[in-house]
Amino acid sequence: MSTLDNKIVNKRSKDELDKFIFEKGLRITEVIAKKNQDSLIVFLNKGQALNIRLSSFARLKKASQKQLDGWKLISKGVGIEWSEIDEDLSLKGLIQQFVKENTLRFVAGDASYAMAA
C-alpha cells in the first residue's frame, strides 16, 4: 500500500454542534465558577451564556474556589482547562450538559430554574 492511499481529507461534519463550533466559529470567551452557588457560567462569543451545575462534574465539585478560578481557555476557546485539578471540558460537552440539565428541569416542571440567555 502506498502512502498516497492514506490521504487525510477534511470533510464537513454532519454534527450540528461541530458545525457551530468548527465552521461558524462559536467560542468560549469567559468563565465564572461559583462554588457556593453550584454554578459554572460559560460566556460565548455570540452573546449567549451557559449556566451549568458545577456538581455535574466530579472534579469541579470537589475543587476549592481558588482552584476553580484557575481556569484557562484551550484550543482558541473550544475548551476550558483547570490544570491544577486535571480537568478539561470541551465546548461541545458543555453545550450538551446545558441542554440535558435544562431539558430535565423543563420536563420536571421546575420553574425555579432560570435559563441563561
N, C-alpha and C. Protein backbone atom coordinates (compact mmCIF):
# COMPACT_ATOMS: atom_id res chain seq x y z
N MET A 1 0.84 -1.17 0.00
CA MET A 1 0.00 0.00 0.00
C MET A 1 0.89 1.23 0.00
N SER A 2 0.61 2.17 -0.87
CA SER A 2 1.40 3.40 -0.93
C SER A 2 0.86 4.43 0.05
N THR A 3 1.68 5.41 0.37
CA THR A 3 1.23 6.47 1.28
C THR A 3 0.17 7.33 0.63
N LEU A 4 0.06 7.31 -0.68
CA LEU A 4 -0.96 8.08 -1.37
C LEU A 4 -2.36 7.56 -1.04
N ASP A 5 -2.47 6.32 -0.68
CA ASP A 5 -3.76 5.74 -0.33
C ASP A 5 -4.25 6.20 1.04
N ASN A 6 -3.37 6.81 1.82
CA ASN A 6 -3.70 7.20 3.19
C ASN A 6 -3.87 8.71 3.33
N LYS A 7 -4.39 9.36 2.31
CA LYS A 7 -4.57 10.81 2.36
C LYS A 7 -5.61 11.18 3.40
N ILE A 8 -5.34 12.26 4.11
CA ILE A 8 -6.30 12.80 5.07
C ILE A 8 -7.14 13.84 4.33
N VAL A 9 -8.43 13.70 4.42
CA VAL A 9 -9.34 14.60 3.73
C VAL A 9 -10.21 15.30 4.75
N ASN A 10 -10.26 16.62 4.69
CA ASN A 10 -11.17 17.36 5.56
C ASN A 10 -12.58 17.23 5.03
N LYS A 11 -13.47 16.75 5.86
CA LYS A 11 -14.87 16.61 5.48
C LYS A 11 -15.70 17.46 6.41
N ARG A 12 -16.77 18.01 5.89
CA ARG A 12 -17.69 18.77 6.73
C ARG A 12 -18.41 17.82 7.66
N SER A 13 -18.53 18.24 8.89
CA SER A 13 -19.21 17.42 9.89
C SER A 13 -20.71 17.40 9.64
N LYS A 14 -21.33 16.31 9.99
CA LYS A 14 -22.78 16.22 9.94
C LYS A 14 -23.39 16.60 11.29
N ASP A 15 -22.55 16.70 12.31
CA ASP A 15 -23.00 17.04 13.65
C ASP A 15 -23.24 18.55 13.75
N GLU A 16 -24.43 18.95 14.15
CA GLU A 16 -24.78 20.36 14.20
C GLU A 16 -23.92 21.16 15.18
N LEU A 17 -23.59 20.58 16.34
CA LEU A 17 -22.74 21.30 17.29
C LEU A 17 -21.35 21.51 16.72
N ASP A 18 -20.80 20.49 16.07
CA ASP A 18 -19.49 20.64 15.44
C ASP A 18 -19.51 21.73 14.39
N LYS A 19 -20.60 21.83 13.64
CA LYS A 19 -20.72 22.88 12.62
C LYS A 19 -20.66 24.26 13.26
N PHE A 20 -21.40 24.46 14.37
CA PHE A 20 -21.37 25.76 15.04
C PHE A 20 -19.97 26.08 15.57
N ILE A 21 -19.31 25.10 16.12
CA ILE A 21 -18.01 25.33 16.73
C ILE A 21 -16.91 25.47 15.68
N PHE A 22 -16.82 24.53 14.76
CA PHE A 22 -15.67 24.50 13.86
C PHE A 22 -15.89 25.21 12.52
N GLU A 23 -17.12 25.35 12.10
CA GLU A 23 -17.37 26.04 10.84
C GLU A 23 -17.86 27.47 11.04
N LYS A 24 -18.62 27.72 12.11
CA LYS A 24 -19.16 29.05 12.35
C LYS A 24 -18.42 29.82 13.43
N GLY A 25 -17.44 29.16 14.07
CA GLY A 25 -16.55 29.86 14.99
C GLY A 25 -17.10 30.13 16.39
N LEU A 26 -18.03 29.33 16.88
CA LEU A 26 -18.52 29.51 18.24
C LEU A 26 -17.39 29.22 19.21
N ARG A 27 -17.18 30.13 20.16
CA ARG A 27 -16.07 30.00 21.11
C ARG A 27 -16.48 30.46 22.51
N ILE A 28 -15.76 29.95 23.49
CA ILE A 28 -15.87 30.40 24.88
C ILE A 28 -15.01 31.65 25.01
N THR A 29 -15.54 32.66 25.70
CA THR A 29 -14.76 33.89 25.90
C THR A 29 -14.43 34.14 27.37
N GLU A 30 -15.26 33.65 28.27
CA GLU A 30 -15.08 33.92 29.71
C GLU A 30 -15.76 32.82 30.50
N VAL A 31 -15.27 32.59 31.71
CA VAL A 31 -15.82 31.56 32.58
C VAL A 31 -15.91 32.12 34.00
N ILE A 32 -17.04 31.88 34.64
CA ILE A 32 -17.20 32.22 36.05
C ILE A 32 -17.68 30.96 36.77
N ALA A 33 -16.92 30.56 37.77
CA ALA A 33 -17.30 29.40 38.57
C ALA A 33 -17.59 29.89 39.99
N LYS A 34 -18.76 29.53 40.50
CA LYS A 34 -19.17 29.91 41.85
C LYS A 34 -19.50 28.66 42.64
N LYS A 35 -18.55 28.23 43.46
CA LYS A 35 -18.73 27.00 44.23
C LYS A 35 -19.94 27.07 45.15
N ASN A 36 -20.10 28.18 45.85
CA ASN A 36 -21.20 28.30 46.82
C ASN A 36 -22.57 28.36 46.16
N GLN A 37 -22.62 28.56 44.85
CA GLN A 37 -23.89 28.58 44.12
C GLN A 37 -24.03 27.39 43.18
N ASP A 38 -23.05 26.47 43.23
CA ASP A 38 -23.05 25.28 42.36
C ASP A 38 -23.26 25.69 40.90
N SER A 39 -22.51 26.70 40.46
CA SER A 39 -22.75 27.29 39.15
C SER A 39 -21.47 27.49 38.36
N LEU A 40 -21.51 27.07 37.11
CA LEU A 40 -20.46 27.33 36.15
C LEU A 40 -21.11 28.11 35.00
N ILE A 41 -20.70 29.35 34.84
CA ILE A 41 -21.27 30.18 33.77
C ILE A 41 -20.20 30.33 32.69
N VAL A 42 -20.57 29.93 31.48
CA VAL A 42 -19.66 29.94 30.35
C VAL A 42 -20.21 30.94 29.33
N PHE A 43 -19.46 32.01 29.09
CA PHE A 43 -19.88 33.04 28.14
C PHE A 43 -19.33 32.72 26.76
N LEU A 44 -20.17 32.93 25.74
CA LEU A 44 -19.81 32.61 24.37
C LEU A 44 -19.66 33.87 23.53
N ASN A 45 -18.89 33.79 22.47
CA ASN A 45 -18.62 34.95 21.63
C ASN A 45 -19.82 35.42 20.82
N LYS A 46 -20.89 34.67 20.79
CA LYS A 46 -22.09 35.08 20.04
C LYS A 46 -23.11 35.76 20.96
N GLY A 47 -22.73 36.00 22.24
CA GLY A 47 -23.59 36.73 23.16
C GLY A 47 -24.39 35.87 24.13
N GLN A 48 -24.30 34.57 24.04
CA GLN A 48 -25.04 33.69 24.95
C GLN A 48 -24.17 33.31 26.16
N ALA A 49 -24.86 32.79 27.17
CA ALA A 49 -24.17 32.25 28.34
C ALA A 49 -24.81 30.92 28.71
N LEU A 50 -23.99 29.97 29.08
CA LEU A 50 -24.47 28.67 29.54
C LEU A 50 -24.29 28.63 31.05
N ASN A 51 -25.34 28.33 31.78
CA ASN A 51 -25.26 28.19 33.23
C ASN A 51 -25.45 26.70 33.54
N ILE A 52 -24.39 26.09 34.06
CA ILE A 52 -24.37 24.65 34.29
C ILE A 52 -24.00 24.39 35.75
N ARG A 53 -24.54 23.34 36.32
CA ARG A 53 -24.21 22.99 37.70
C ARG A 53 -22.76 22.49 37.79
N LEU A 54 -21.98 23.06 38.70
CA LEU A 54 -20.63 22.56 38.95
C LEU A 54 -20.65 21.09 39.37
N SER A 55 -21.67 20.73 40.12
CA SER A 55 -21.75 19.36 40.63
C SER A 55 -21.98 18.33 39.54
N SER A 56 -22.19 18.77 38.31
CA SER A 56 -22.29 17.85 37.19
C SER A 56 -20.92 17.27 36.81
N PHE A 57 -19.86 17.87 37.33
CA PHE A 57 -18.50 17.46 37.01
C PHE A 57 -17.77 17.16 38.32
N ALA A 58 -17.44 15.90 38.55
CA ALA A 58 -16.90 15.44 39.83
C ALA A 58 -15.68 16.25 40.29
N ARG A 59 -14.74 16.50 39.41
CA ARG A 59 -13.53 17.22 39.82
C ARG A 59 -13.83 18.68 40.15
N LEU A 60 -14.74 19.29 39.42
CA LEU A 60 -15.11 20.68 39.72
C LEU A 60 -15.86 20.75 41.05
N LYS A 61 -16.70 19.77 41.29
CA LYS A 61 -17.47 19.72 42.55
C LYS A 61 -16.54 19.66 43.75
N LYS A 62 -15.45 18.91 43.64
CA LYS A 62 -14.50 18.72 44.75
C LYS A 62 -13.50 19.87 44.88
N ALA A 63 -13.38 20.68 43.86
CA ALA A 63 -12.36 21.73 43.84
C ALA A 63 -12.70 22.89 44.77
N SER A 64 -11.67 23.58 45.23
CA SER A 64 -11.86 24.80 46.02
C SER A 64 -12.19 25.95 45.07
N GLN A 65 -12.68 27.05 45.63
CA GLN A 65 -12.97 28.22 44.80
C GLN A 65 -11.69 28.72 44.12
N LYS A 66 -10.58 28.69 44.86
CA LYS A 66 -9.31 29.12 44.29
C LYS A 66 -8.93 28.26 43.09
N GLN A 67 -9.11 26.95 43.20
CA GLN A 67 -8.81 26.06 42.07
C GLN A 67 -9.75 26.32 40.90
N LEU A 68 -11.02 26.57 41.19
CA LEU A 68 -11.99 26.85 40.14
C LEU A 68 -11.64 28.14 39.39
N ASP A 69 -11.07 29.09 40.09
CA ASP A 69 -10.67 30.36 39.47
C ASP A 69 -9.43 30.20 38.59
N GLY A 70 -8.77 29.05 38.65
CA GLY A 70 -7.53 28.83 37.90
C GLY A 70 -7.75 28.22 36.53
N TRP A 71 -8.81 28.57 35.86
CA TRP A 71 -9.10 28.02 34.53
C TRP A 71 -8.34 28.79 33.46
N LYS A 72 -8.22 28.16 32.30
CA LYS A 72 -7.71 28.87 31.11
C LYS A 72 -8.38 28.26 29.88
N LEU A 73 -8.54 29.09 28.86
CA LEU A 73 -9.13 28.61 27.62
C LEU A 73 -8.08 27.82 26.85
N ILE A 74 -8.53 26.77 26.18
CA ILE A 74 -7.64 25.97 25.35
C ILE A 74 -8.23 25.87 23.94
N SER A 75 -7.37 25.60 23.00
CA SER A 75 -7.75 25.45 21.59
C SER A 75 -8.55 26.65 21.08
N LYS A 76 -8.08 27.84 21.42
CA LYS A 76 -8.70 29.09 20.97
C LYS A 76 -10.15 29.22 21.40
N GLY A 77 -10.47 28.74 22.60
CA GLY A 77 -11.82 28.88 23.13
C GLY A 77 -12.75 27.73 22.85
N VAL A 78 -12.21 26.61 22.39
CA VAL A 78 -13.03 25.42 22.14
C VAL A 78 -13.12 24.56 23.41
N GLY A 79 -12.34 24.91 24.41
CA GLY A 79 -12.38 24.16 25.66
C GLY A 79 -11.85 24.98 26.82
N ILE A 80 -12.01 24.40 28.01
CA ILE A 80 -11.53 25.03 29.25
C ILE A 80 -10.65 24.01 29.96
N GLU A 81 -9.56 24.49 30.53
CA GLU A 81 -8.65 23.61 31.27
C GLU A 81 -8.47 24.14 32.69
N TRP A 82 -8.54 23.24 33.65
CA TRP A 82 -8.15 23.51 35.03
C TRP A 82 -6.97 22.58 35.30
N SER A 83 -5.76 23.06 35.08
CA SER A 83 -4.58 22.19 35.18
C SER A 83 -4.35 21.69 36.60
N GLU A 84 -4.66 22.49 37.60
CA GLU A 84 -4.41 22.10 38.99
C GLU A 84 -5.25 20.90 39.42
N ILE A 85 -6.44 20.77 38.84
CA ILE A 85 -7.30 19.63 39.21
C ILE A 85 -7.43 18.62 38.07
N ASP A 86 -6.60 18.79 37.03
CA ASP A 86 -6.56 17.87 35.89
C ASP A 86 -7.94 17.67 35.26
N GLU A 87 -8.58 18.79 34.90
CA GLU A 87 -9.90 18.75 34.28
C GLU A 87 -9.91 19.60 33.02
N ASP A 88 -10.40 19.01 31.94
CA ASP A 88 -10.59 19.72 30.67
C ASP A 88 -12.03 19.47 30.24
N LEU A 89 -12.71 20.54 29.82
CA LEU A 89 -14.08 20.41 29.32
C LEU A 89 -14.16 21.06 27.95
N SER A 90 -14.83 20.38 27.03
CA SER A 90 -15.00 20.91 25.68
C SER A 90 -16.26 21.74 25.59
N LEU A 91 -16.26 22.69 24.68
CA LEU A 91 -17.44 23.50 24.43
C LEU A 91 -18.61 22.61 24.03
N LYS A 92 -18.37 21.64 23.19
CA LYS A 92 -19.43 20.73 22.76
C LYS A 92 -20.04 19.99 23.96
N GLY A 93 -19.20 19.48 24.83
CA GLY A 93 -19.68 18.79 26.02
C GLY A 93 -20.44 19.70 26.96
N LEU A 94 -20.00 20.95 27.08
CA LEU A 94 -20.69 21.92 27.93
C LEU A 94 -22.07 22.24 27.37
N ILE A 95 -22.18 22.40 26.06
CA ILE A 95 -23.48 22.65 25.45
C ILE A 95 -24.40 21.46 25.67
N GLN A 96 -23.88 20.26 25.49
CA GLN A 96 -24.69 19.05 25.70
C GLN A 96 -25.17 18.96 27.15
N GLN A 97 -24.31 19.29 28.11
CA GLN A 97 -24.70 19.25 29.52
C GLN A 97 -25.75 20.31 29.81
N PHE A 98 -25.59 21.50 29.24
CA PHE A 98 -26.56 22.58 29.41
C PHE A 98 -27.93 22.15 28.90
N VAL A 99 -27.97 21.57 27.72
CA VAL A 99 -29.23 21.10 27.14
C VAL A 99 -29.85 20.01 28.01
N LYS A 100 -29.05 19.09 28.46
CA LYS A 100 -29.54 18.00 29.32
C LYS A 100 -30.16 18.55 30.60
N GLU A 101 -29.43 19.41 31.30
CA GLU A 101 -29.93 19.95 32.56
C GLU A 101 -31.22 20.74 32.37
N ASN A 102 -31.27 21.56 31.34
CA ASN A 102 -32.45 22.38 31.11
C ASN A 102 -33.64 21.55 30.65
N THR A 103 -33.39 20.54 29.87
CA THR A 103 -34.47 19.65 29.44
C THR A 103 -35.06 18.92 30.63
N LEU A 104 -34.22 18.40 31.50
CA LEU A 104 -34.71 17.68 32.69
C LEU A 104 -35.51 18.60 33.60
N ARG A 105 -35.05 19.83 33.77
CA ARG A 105 -35.78 20.79 34.61
C ARG A 105 -37.12 21.16 33.97
N PHE A 106 -37.14 21.32 32.66
CA PHE A 106 -38.37 21.65 31.95
C PHE A 106 -39.38 20.51 32.07
N VAL A 107 -38.94 19.30 31.83
CA VAL A 107 -39.83 18.14 31.90
C VAL A 107 -40.35 17.94 33.32
N ALA A 108 -39.49 18.21 34.30
CA ALA A 108 -39.89 18.04 35.70
C ALA A 108 -40.75 19.20 36.19
N GLY A 109 -40.86 20.26 35.39
CA GLY A 109 -41.68 21.41 35.78
C GLY A 109 -41.04 22.29 36.83
N ASP A 110 -39.72 22.32 36.87
CA ASP A 110 -39.00 23.14 37.86
C ASP A 110 -38.91 24.58 37.37
N ALA A 111 -39.87 25.39 37.77
CA ALA A 111 -39.92 26.78 37.32
C ALA A 111 -38.91 27.66 38.05
N SER A 112 -38.28 27.16 39.11
CA SER A 112 -37.34 27.98 39.88
C SER A 112 -36.02 28.14 39.15
N TYR A 113 -35.79 27.35 38.12
CA TYR A 113 -34.52 27.43 37.40
C TYR A 113 -34.64 28.42 36.27
N ALA A 114 -33.78 29.43 36.25
CA ALA A 114 -33.80 30.43 35.18
C ALA A 114 -32.78 30.03 34.12
N MET A 115 -33.23 29.87 32.91
CA MET A 115 -32.33 29.51 31.82
C MET A 115 -31.50 30.72 31.42
N ALA A 116 -30.23 30.49 31.18
CA ALA A 116 -29.35 31.57 30.72
C ALA A 116 -29.68 31.92 29.28
N ALA A 117 -29.57 33.18 28.96
CA ALA A 117 -29.88 33.64 27.60
C ALA A 117 -28.75 33.35 26.66
